[in-house]
């Protein structure tokens, strides 16, 4: 799709655990399909702000342009997220999960690792990073059977090469 040609546009959501008492933030980059998981102590707006800010701060600024979310209350601190990360936050129309279809599909795949009804608070950030790495090293048909990690690395390399070329 043409809207997936420019990297840096993310879809985000929460995966909820047992009785909605625990959650994990999920981010998926639209061009590379790269998955980033953020440990959340609960489903509050403050946890969303802290978890997503921490996850986004590890991403180069050139690759964090937009962030699309559903209408959940946990994103009520979206202005602070933009202020702290520089990412413009957009919201889907109510009851329109297909507007974040990549993230919805990814959340379904993540349920292989984070089953419904599980207590997600037991997972450390290191364990979530390992799950994301497993997802990011899976070849994808939509990426010409390359993995999200390969495509993301190519983009990072091209960004570095572009910096070198423009200096000379």
N, C-alpha and C. Protein backbone atom coordinates (compact mmCIF):
# COMPACT_ATOMS: atom_id res chain seq x y z
N UNK A 1 0.83 -1.18 0.00
CA UNK A 1 0.00 0.00 0.00
C UNK A 1 0.88 1.25 0.00
N UNK A 2 0.45 2.27 -0.67
CA UNK A 2 1.22 3.51 -0.78
C UNK A 2 1.44 4.17 0.57
N UNK A 3 0.50 4.03 1.50
CA UNK A 3 0.64 4.68 2.80
C UNK A 3 1.65 3.98 3.70
N UNK A 4 2.24 2.89 3.21
CA UNK A 4 3.25 2.17 4.00
C UNK A 4 4.66 2.35 3.44
N UNK A 5 4.83 3.29 2.53
CA UNK A 5 6.14 3.50 1.91
C UNK A 5 7.09 4.30 2.79
N UNK A 6 6.57 5.17 3.62
CA UNK A 6 7.41 6.03 4.45
C UNK A 6 7.46 5.47 5.86
N UNK A 7 8.65 5.08 6.32
CA UNK A 7 8.75 4.51 7.66
C UNK A 7 8.56 5.56 8.75
N UNK A 8 8.17 5.09 9.92
CA UNK A 8 8.02 5.96 11.09
C UNK A 8 6.60 6.14 11.55
N UNK A 9 5.67 5.42 10.93
CA UNK A 9 4.26 5.52 11.30
C UNK A 9 3.88 4.23 12.05
N UNK A 10 3.41 4.38 13.28
CA UNK A 10 3.16 3.28 14.19
C UNK A 10 1.68 3.12 14.49
N UNK A 11 1.26 1.88 14.67
CA UNK A 11 -0.07 1.57 15.20
C UNK A 11 0.16 1.01 16.60
N UNK A 12 -0.72 1.35 17.53
CA UNK A 12 -0.52 0.94 18.91
C UNK A 12 -1.81 0.45 19.55
N UNK A 13 -1.63 -0.33 20.61
CA UNK A 13 -2.77 -0.87 21.34
C UNK A 13 -2.27 -1.43 22.67
N UNK A 14 -3.21 -1.94 23.46
CA UNK A 14 -2.93 -2.69 24.68
C UNK A 14 -3.40 -4.12 24.47
N UNK A 15 -2.66 -5.08 24.97
CA UNK A 15 -3.15 -6.43 25.15
C UNK A 15 -3.47 -6.53 26.63
N UNK A 16 -4.68 -6.88 26.94
CA UNK A 16 -5.12 -6.98 28.33
C UNK A 16 -4.95 -8.40 28.85
N UNK A 17 -4.59 -8.49 30.13
CA UNK A 17 -4.43 -9.78 30.78
C UNK A 17 -5.67 -10.19 31.55
N UNK A 18 -5.48 -11.11 32.45
CA UNK A 18 -6.57 -11.67 33.24
C UNK A 18 -7.38 -10.58 33.93
N UNK A 19 -8.69 -10.62 33.72
CA UNK A 19 -9.65 -9.69 34.31
C UNK A 19 -9.26 -8.22 34.10
N UNK A 20 -8.56 -7.95 33.00
CA UNK A 20 -8.12 -6.59 32.64
C UNK A 20 -7.25 -5.93 33.72
N UNK A 21 -6.60 -6.73 34.55
CA UNK A 21 -5.77 -6.18 35.63
C UNK A 21 -4.32 -5.96 35.22
N UNK A 22 -3.91 -6.55 34.11
CA UNK A 22 -2.55 -6.36 33.64
C UNK A 22 -2.60 -6.12 32.14
N UNK A 23 -1.54 -5.50 31.62
CA UNK A 23 -1.54 -5.21 30.19
C UNK A 23 -0.13 -5.05 29.66
N UNK A 24 -0.03 -5.16 28.34
CA UNK A 24 1.23 -4.94 27.62
C UNK A 24 0.89 -4.00 26.46
N UNK A 25 1.69 -2.96 26.31
CA UNK A 25 1.52 -2.05 25.19
C UNK A 25 2.17 -2.64 23.95
N UNK A 26 1.48 -2.55 22.82
CA UNK A 26 2.02 -3.08 21.56
C UNK A 26 2.15 -1.94 20.55
N UNK A 27 3.29 -1.89 19.90
CA UNK A 27 3.55 -0.92 18.83
C UNK A 27 3.99 -1.71 17.61
N UNK A 28 3.47 -1.35 16.44
CA UNK A 28 3.88 -1.99 15.19
C UNK A 28 4.14 -0.90 14.16
N UNK A 29 5.33 -0.91 13.58
CA UNK A 29 5.69 0.07 12.56
C UNK A 29 5.11 -0.40 11.23
N UNK A 30 4.43 0.48 10.52
CA UNK A 30 3.65 0.09 9.35
C UNK A 30 4.50 -0.36 8.15
N UNK A 31 5.64 0.22 7.92
CA UNK A 31 6.46 -0.14 6.76
C UNK A 31 7.22 -1.44 6.98
N UNK A 32 7.84 -1.57 8.15
CA UNK A 32 8.72 -2.71 8.43
C UNK A 32 8.02 -3.85 9.15
N UNK A 33 6.86 -3.58 9.74
CA UNK A 33 6.12 -4.53 10.59
C UNK A 33 6.86 -4.81 11.89
N UNK A 34 7.83 -3.97 12.25
CA UNK A 34 8.60 -4.16 13.48
C UNK A 34 7.67 -4.04 14.68
N UNK A 35 7.81 -4.98 15.63
CA UNK A 35 7.00 -5.01 16.84
C UNK A 35 7.84 -4.54 18.02
N UNK A 36 7.28 -3.64 18.82
CA UNK A 36 7.88 -3.19 20.07
C UNK A 36 6.84 -3.40 21.16
N UNK A 37 7.25 -4.04 22.26
CA UNK A 37 6.34 -4.28 23.37
C UNK A 37 6.77 -3.44 24.58
N UNK A 38 5.79 -2.93 25.29
CA UNK A 38 6.05 -2.09 26.46
C UNK A 38 5.35 -2.67 27.67
N UNK A 39 6.11 -2.93 28.70
CA UNK A 39 5.53 -3.46 29.95
C UNK A 39 4.70 -2.36 30.60
N UNK A 40 3.51 -2.71 31.02
CA UNK A 40 2.61 -1.77 31.68
C UNK A 40 2.16 -2.39 33.00
N UNK A 41 2.34 -1.70 34.11
CA UNK A 41 1.90 -2.27 35.38
C UNK A 41 0.38 -2.41 35.47
N UNK A 42 -0.34 -1.59 34.72
CA UNK A 42 -1.80 -1.65 34.70
C UNK A 42 -2.29 -0.97 33.43
N UNK A 43 -3.56 -0.76 33.30
CA UNK A 43 -4.14 -0.18 32.09
C UNK A 43 -4.47 1.29 32.21
N UNK A 44 -3.76 2.01 33.07
CA UNK A 44 -4.07 3.42 33.28
C UNK A 44 -3.41 4.31 32.23
N UNK A 45 -3.89 5.53 32.15
CA UNK A 45 -3.31 6.51 31.23
C UNK A 45 -1.86 6.81 31.59
N UNK A 46 -1.53 6.84 32.87
CA UNK A 46 -0.15 7.11 33.27
C UNK A 46 0.77 5.97 32.85
N UNK A 47 0.30 4.73 32.98
CA UNK A 47 1.11 3.59 32.53
C UNK A 47 1.31 3.62 31.03
N UNK A 48 0.25 3.99 30.29
CA UNK A 48 0.37 4.09 28.84
C UNK A 48 1.38 5.16 28.47
N UNK A 49 1.28 6.31 29.12
CA UNK A 49 2.22 7.41 28.84
C UNK A 49 3.65 6.97 29.12
N UNK A 50 3.90 6.42 30.31
CA UNK A 50 5.26 6.02 30.69
C UNK A 50 5.78 4.91 29.80
N UNK A 51 4.98 3.87 29.58
CA UNK A 51 5.42 2.72 28.79
C UNK A 51 5.68 3.06 27.34
N UNK A 52 4.74 3.79 26.72
CA UNK A 52 4.92 4.14 25.31
C UNK A 52 6.05 5.16 25.13
N UNK A 53 6.21 6.10 26.07
CA UNK A 53 7.32 7.06 25.97
C UNK A 53 8.66 6.33 26.05
N UNK A 54 8.77 5.38 26.98
CA UNK A 54 10.01 4.63 27.10
C UNK A 54 10.29 3.83 25.83
N UNK A 55 9.27 3.18 25.30
CA UNK A 55 9.45 2.38 24.08
C UNK A 55 9.84 3.26 22.90
N UNK A 56 9.16 4.38 22.75
CA UNK A 56 9.43 5.27 21.61
C UNK A 56 10.79 5.97 21.73
N UNK A 57 11.25 6.22 22.96
CA UNK A 57 12.53 6.91 23.12
C UNK A 57 13.70 6.08 22.62
N UNK A 58 13.52 4.77 22.50
CA UNK A 58 14.59 3.90 21.99
C UNK A 58 14.63 3.89 20.47
N UNK A 59 13.68 4.56 19.83
CA UNK A 59 13.58 4.58 18.37
C UNK A 59 14.13 5.92 17.87
N UNK A 60 14.94 5.91 16.82
CA UNK A 60 15.47 7.18 16.30
C UNK A 60 14.34 8.15 15.95
N UNK A 61 14.51 9.44 16.24
CA UNK A 61 13.45 10.42 15.97
C UNK A 61 12.91 10.39 14.54
N UNK A 62 13.75 10.11 13.57
CA UNK A 62 13.30 10.07 12.17
C UNK A 62 12.33 8.92 11.92
N UNK A 63 12.31 7.93 12.82
CA UNK A 63 11.42 6.78 12.65
C UNK A 63 10.29 6.77 13.66
N UNK A 64 9.98 7.93 14.22
CA UNK A 64 8.82 8.05 15.11
C UNK A 64 8.03 9.31 14.75
N UNK A 65 7.28 9.17 13.68
CA UNK A 65 6.49 10.30 13.15
C UNK A 65 5.08 10.33 13.72
N UNK A 66 4.33 9.24 13.53
CA UNK A 66 2.94 9.21 13.99
C UNK A 66 2.66 7.93 14.77
N UNK A 67 1.56 8.00 15.50
CA UNK A 67 1.14 6.95 16.41
C UNK A 67 -0.38 6.90 16.31
N UNK A 68 -0.94 5.81 15.83
CA UNK A 68 -2.39 5.69 15.68
C UNK A 68 -2.92 4.73 16.72
N UNK A 69 -3.96 5.17 17.42
CA UNK A 69 -4.51 4.42 18.54
C UNK A 69 -6.03 4.36 18.41
N UNK A 70 -6.65 3.49 19.20
CA UNK A 70 -8.11 3.47 19.20
C UNK A 70 -8.63 4.54 20.16
N UNK A 71 -9.87 4.48 20.54
CA UNK A 71 -10.48 5.51 21.37
C UNK A 71 -10.36 5.22 22.87
N UNK A 72 -9.45 4.34 23.28
CA UNK A 72 -9.34 3.93 24.68
C UNK A 72 -8.96 5.07 25.62
N UNK A 73 -9.53 5.02 26.83
CA UNK A 73 -9.26 6.03 27.86
C UNK A 73 -7.79 6.08 28.26
N UNK A 74 -7.10 4.95 28.09
CA UNK A 74 -5.70 4.90 28.50
C UNK A 74 -4.81 5.86 27.70
N UNK A 75 -5.32 6.41 26.61
CA UNK A 75 -4.53 7.38 25.83
C UNK A 75 -4.96 8.82 26.10
N UNK A 76 -5.58 9.05 27.23
CA UNK A 76 -6.02 10.42 27.55
C UNK A 76 -4.85 11.38 27.75
N UNK A 77 -3.65 10.86 27.94
CA UNK A 77 -2.46 11.71 28.10
C UNK A 77 -1.67 11.80 26.80
N UNK A 78 -2.38 11.74 25.68
CA UNK A 78 -1.72 11.74 24.37
C UNK A 78 -0.95 13.04 24.12
N UNK A 79 -1.41 14.17 24.65
CA UNK A 79 -0.68 15.44 24.44
C UNK A 79 0.70 15.38 25.09
N UNK A 80 0.78 14.77 26.26
CA UNK A 80 2.07 14.62 26.93
C UNK A 80 2.97 13.66 26.16
N UNK A 81 2.38 12.62 25.56
CA UNK A 81 3.16 11.68 24.75
C UNK A 81 3.80 12.42 23.58
N UNK A 82 3.02 13.25 22.91
CA UNK A 82 3.55 14.04 21.79
C UNK A 82 4.64 14.98 22.28
N UNK A 83 4.40 15.63 23.40
CA UNK A 83 5.38 16.58 23.95
C UNK A 83 6.70 15.89 24.28
N UNK A 84 6.63 14.70 24.86
CA UNK A 84 7.83 14.00 25.30
C UNK A 84 8.57 13.26 24.19
N UNK A 85 7.85 12.86 23.14
CA UNK A 85 8.49 12.03 22.10
C UNK A 85 8.52 12.69 20.72
N UNK A 86 7.71 13.71 20.52
CA UNK A 86 7.62 14.32 19.20
C UNK A 86 6.72 13.57 18.24
N UNK A 87 6.07 12.52 18.70
CA UNK A 87 5.21 11.70 17.85
C UNK A 87 3.81 12.31 17.82
N UNK A 88 3.29 12.53 16.63
CA UNK A 88 1.91 13.02 16.49
C UNK A 88 0.96 11.84 16.73
N UNK A 89 -0.02 12.02 17.61
CA UNK A 89 -0.95 10.94 17.95
C UNK A 89 -2.26 11.15 17.21
N UNK A 90 -2.73 10.09 16.57
CA UNK A 90 -4.01 10.10 15.87
C UNK A 90 -4.89 9.01 16.45
N UNK A 91 -6.19 9.21 16.35
CA UNK A 91 -7.14 8.24 16.87
C UNK A 91 -8.03 7.72 15.76
N UNK A 92 -8.33 6.43 15.82
CA UNK A 92 -9.25 5.81 14.87
C UNK A 92 -10.67 6.25 15.19
N UNK A 93 -11.53 6.05 14.24
CA UNK A 93 -12.95 6.27 14.48
C UNK A 93 -13.43 5.23 15.50
N UNK A 94 -14.45 5.58 16.30
CA UNK A 94 -14.98 4.61 17.27
C UNK A 94 -15.43 3.31 16.58
N UNK A 95 -15.14 2.19 17.23
CA UNK A 95 -15.55 0.87 16.77
C UNK A 95 -15.05 0.57 15.35
N UNK A 96 -13.81 0.97 15.05
CA UNK A 96 -13.23 0.77 13.72
C UNK A 96 -11.84 0.14 13.82
N UNK A 97 -11.73 -1.07 14.36
CA UNK A 97 -10.41 -1.68 14.55
C UNK A 97 -9.65 -1.90 13.25
N UNK A 98 -10.35 -1.97 12.12
CA UNK A 98 -9.67 -2.17 10.83
C UNK A 98 -8.78 -0.98 10.47
N UNK A 99 -9.00 0.17 11.13
CA UNK A 99 -8.14 1.33 10.86
C UNK A 99 -6.76 1.16 11.48
N UNK A 100 -6.60 0.13 12.29
CA UNK A 100 -5.30 -0.27 12.83
C UNK A 100 -5.15 -1.77 12.59
N UNK A 101 -5.43 -2.20 11.39
CA UNK A 101 -5.47 -3.63 11.08
C UNK A 101 -4.17 -4.36 11.30
N UNK A 102 -3.06 -3.72 11.01
CA UNK A 102 -1.76 -4.35 11.21
C UNK A 102 -1.56 -4.66 12.69
N UNK A 103 -1.90 -3.71 13.54
CA UNK A 103 -1.74 -3.91 14.99
C UNK A 103 -2.70 -4.99 15.49
N UNK A 104 -3.92 -5.00 15.00
CA UNK A 104 -4.89 -6.02 15.42
C UNK A 104 -4.39 -7.41 15.03
N UNK A 105 -3.87 -7.56 13.83
CA UNK A 105 -3.32 -8.83 13.38
C UNK A 105 -2.12 -9.23 14.23
N UNK A 106 -1.25 -8.28 14.50
CA UNK A 106 -0.06 -8.55 15.31
C UNK A 106 -0.45 -8.98 16.71
N UNK A 107 -1.45 -8.32 17.29
CA UNK A 107 -1.91 -8.72 18.63
C UNK A 107 -2.40 -10.17 18.62
N UNK A 108 -3.05 -10.57 17.55
CA UNK A 108 -3.48 -11.96 17.43
C UNK A 108 -2.29 -12.91 17.43
N UNK A 109 -1.24 -12.55 16.71
CA UNK A 109 -0.02 -13.38 16.69
C UNK A 109 0.66 -13.39 18.06
N UNK A 110 0.63 -12.25 18.74
CA UNK A 110 1.26 -12.16 20.06
C UNK A 110 0.57 -13.04 21.09
N UNK A 111 -0.69 -13.39 20.85
CA UNK A 111 -1.40 -14.25 21.79
C UNK A 111 -0.80 -15.66 21.84
N UNK A 112 0.06 -16.02 20.86
CA UNK A 112 0.80 -17.28 20.93
C UNK A 112 1.75 -17.25 22.12
N UNK A 113 2.22 -16.06 22.46
CA UNK A 113 3.18 -15.87 23.54
C UNK A 113 2.52 -15.36 24.82
N UNK A 114 1.48 -14.56 24.67
CA UNK A 114 0.79 -13.92 25.79
C UNK A 114 -0.68 -14.33 25.74
N UNK A 115 -1.00 -15.52 26.23
CA UNK A 115 -2.36 -16.05 26.07
C UNK A 115 -3.43 -15.23 26.78
N UNK A 116 -4.63 -15.23 26.21
CA UNK A 116 -5.77 -14.56 26.86
C UNK A 116 -5.96 -15.18 28.23
N UNK A 117 -6.29 -14.33 29.19
CA UNK A 117 -6.53 -14.81 30.54
C UNK A 117 -5.28 -14.95 31.37
N UNK A 118 -4.10 -14.74 30.77
CA UNK A 118 -2.85 -14.85 31.52
C UNK A 118 -2.62 -13.56 32.33
N UNK A 119 -1.87 -13.69 33.40
CA UNK A 119 -1.45 -12.52 34.17
C UNK A 119 -0.22 -11.94 33.49
N UNK A 120 -0.39 -10.85 32.77
CA UNK A 120 0.71 -10.27 32.00
C UNK A 120 1.71 -9.52 32.87
N UNK A 121 1.36 -9.27 34.12
CA UNK A 121 2.28 -8.55 35.01
C UNK A 121 3.50 -9.38 35.37
N UNK A 122 3.47 -10.69 35.14
CA UNK A 122 4.61 -11.53 35.48
C UNK A 122 5.74 -11.42 34.46
N UNK A 123 5.47 -10.83 33.30
CA UNK A 123 6.49 -10.70 32.26
C UNK A 123 7.35 -9.47 32.52
N UNK A 124 8.67 -9.67 32.49
CA UNK A 124 9.59 -8.55 32.62
C UNK A 124 9.74 -7.88 31.26
N UNK A 125 10.31 -6.68 31.23
CA UNK A 125 10.56 -6.02 29.95
C UNK A 125 11.52 -6.85 29.11
N UNK A 126 12.48 -7.51 29.76
CA UNK A 126 13.43 -8.36 29.03
C UNK A 126 12.70 -9.53 28.34
N UNK A 127 11.73 -10.12 29.02
CA UNK A 127 10.95 -11.20 28.43
C UNK A 127 10.10 -10.69 27.27
N UNK A 128 9.52 -9.51 27.43
CA UNK A 128 8.74 -8.91 26.35
C UNK A 128 9.62 -8.58 25.16
N UNK A 129 10.85 -8.11 25.42
CA UNK A 129 11.79 -7.84 24.33
C UNK A 129 12.13 -9.12 23.57
N UNK A 130 12.26 -10.23 24.30
CA UNK A 130 12.55 -11.51 23.65
C UNK A 130 11.38 -11.96 22.78
N UNK A 131 10.16 -11.74 23.25
CA UNK A 131 8.97 -12.07 22.45
C UNK A 131 8.95 -11.20 21.19
N UNK A 132 9.21 -9.90 21.35
CA UNK A 132 9.24 -9.00 20.20
C UNK A 132 10.33 -9.45 19.21
N UNK A 133 11.48 -9.84 19.73
CA UNK A 133 12.57 -10.29 18.86
C UNK A 133 12.14 -11.52 18.06
N UNK A 134 11.44 -12.44 18.72
CA UNK A 134 10.94 -13.62 18.03
C UNK A 134 10.01 -13.22 16.89
N UNK A 135 9.12 -12.28 17.16
CA UNK A 135 8.21 -11.78 16.12
C UNK A 135 8.98 -11.06 15.01
N UNK A 136 9.99 -10.29 15.39
CA UNK A 136 10.71 -9.46 14.43
C UNK A 136 11.70 -10.22 13.57
N UNK A 137 11.97 -11.47 13.92
CA UNK A 137 12.88 -12.28 13.11
C UNK A 137 12.13 -13.32 12.27
N UNK A 138 10.81 -13.30 12.31
CA UNK A 138 9.98 -14.17 11.46
C UNK A 138 9.89 -13.57 10.06
N UNK A 139 10.25 -14.32 9.04
CA UNK A 139 10.06 -13.81 7.67
C UNK A 139 8.58 -13.59 7.39
N UNK A 140 8.29 -12.56 6.62
CA UNK A 140 6.90 -12.22 6.29
C UNK A 140 6.72 -12.19 4.78
N UNK A 141 5.67 -12.79 4.32
CA UNK A 141 5.36 -12.78 2.89
C UNK A 141 5.23 -11.33 2.40
N UNK A 142 4.58 -10.48 3.21
CA UNK A 142 4.35 -9.08 2.82
C UNK A 142 5.65 -8.29 2.70
N UNK A 143 6.74 -8.82 3.24
CA UNK A 143 8.05 -8.16 3.15
C UNK A 143 8.98 -8.90 2.19
N UNK A 144 8.41 -9.66 1.28
CA UNK A 144 9.24 -10.44 0.35
C UNK A 144 10.02 -11.53 1.05
N UNK A 145 9.43 -12.09 2.09
CA UNK A 145 10.01 -13.15 2.91
C UNK A 145 11.26 -12.70 3.67
N UNK A 146 11.38 -11.39 3.87
CA UNK A 146 12.38 -10.87 4.79
C UNK A 146 11.71 -10.66 6.13
N UNK A 147 12.48 -10.53 7.17
CA UNK A 147 11.91 -10.31 8.50
C UNK A 147 11.79 -8.81 8.78
N UNK A 148 10.91 -8.44 9.71
CA UNK A 148 10.84 -7.02 10.09
C UNK A 148 12.20 -6.47 10.55
N UNK A 149 12.97 -7.28 11.28
CA UNK A 149 14.28 -6.83 11.75
C UNK A 149 15.21 -6.52 10.57
N UNK A 150 15.16 -7.34 9.52
CA UNK A 150 15.99 -7.09 8.33
C UNK A 150 15.60 -5.79 7.65
N UNK A 151 14.31 -5.59 7.46
CA UNK A 151 13.83 -4.39 6.77
C UNK A 151 14.13 -3.14 7.60
N UNK A 152 13.91 -3.22 8.91
CA UNK A 152 14.20 -2.10 9.81
C UNK A 152 15.70 -1.76 9.79
N UNK A 153 16.54 -2.79 9.82
CA UNK A 153 18.00 -2.58 9.76
C UNK A 153 18.41 -1.91 8.46
N UNK A 154 17.79 -2.32 7.35
CA UNK A 154 18.10 -1.69 6.06
C UNK A 154 17.73 -0.21 6.08
N UNK A 155 16.61 0.11 6.67
CA UNK A 155 16.19 1.52 6.76
C UNK A 155 17.17 2.31 7.62
N UNK A 156 17.58 1.74 8.75
CA UNK A 156 18.57 2.42 9.61
C UNK A 156 19.88 2.64 8.87
N UNK A 157 20.33 1.62 8.14
CA UNK A 157 21.57 1.73 7.37
C UNK A 157 21.45 2.81 6.30
N UNK A 158 20.34 2.82 5.59
CA UNK A 158 20.13 3.84 4.56
C UNK A 158 20.08 5.25 5.15
N UNK A 159 19.52 5.38 6.35
CA UNK A 159 19.50 6.69 7.02
C UNK A 159 20.92 7.15 7.34
N UNK A 160 21.75 6.23 7.82
CA UNK A 160 23.14 6.55 8.14
C UNK A 160 23.91 6.91 6.87
N UNK A 161 23.70 6.15 5.81
CA UNK A 161 24.38 6.45 4.54
C UNK A 161 23.97 7.81 4.02
N UNK A 162 22.69 8.14 4.14
CA UNK A 162 22.20 9.45 3.69
C UNK A 162 22.86 10.57 4.46
N UNK A 163 23.11 10.37 5.77
CA UNK A 163 23.79 11.38 6.58
C UNK A 163 25.21 11.60 6.08
N UNK A 164 25.90 10.50 5.77
CA UNK A 164 27.29 10.58 5.30
C UNK A 164 27.34 11.32 3.95
N UNK A 165 26.44 10.97 3.05
CA UNK A 165 26.43 11.58 1.72
C UNK A 165 26.14 13.08 1.82
N UNK A 166 25.22 13.48 2.67
CA UNK A 166 24.86 14.90 2.76
C UNK A 166 25.94 15.73 3.45
N UNK A 167 26.84 15.08 4.20
CA UNK A 167 27.95 15.81 4.84
C UNK A 167 29.02 16.17 3.81
N UNK A 168 29.09 15.41 2.72
CA UNK A 168 30.15 15.64 1.73
C UNK A 168 29.67 16.41 0.56
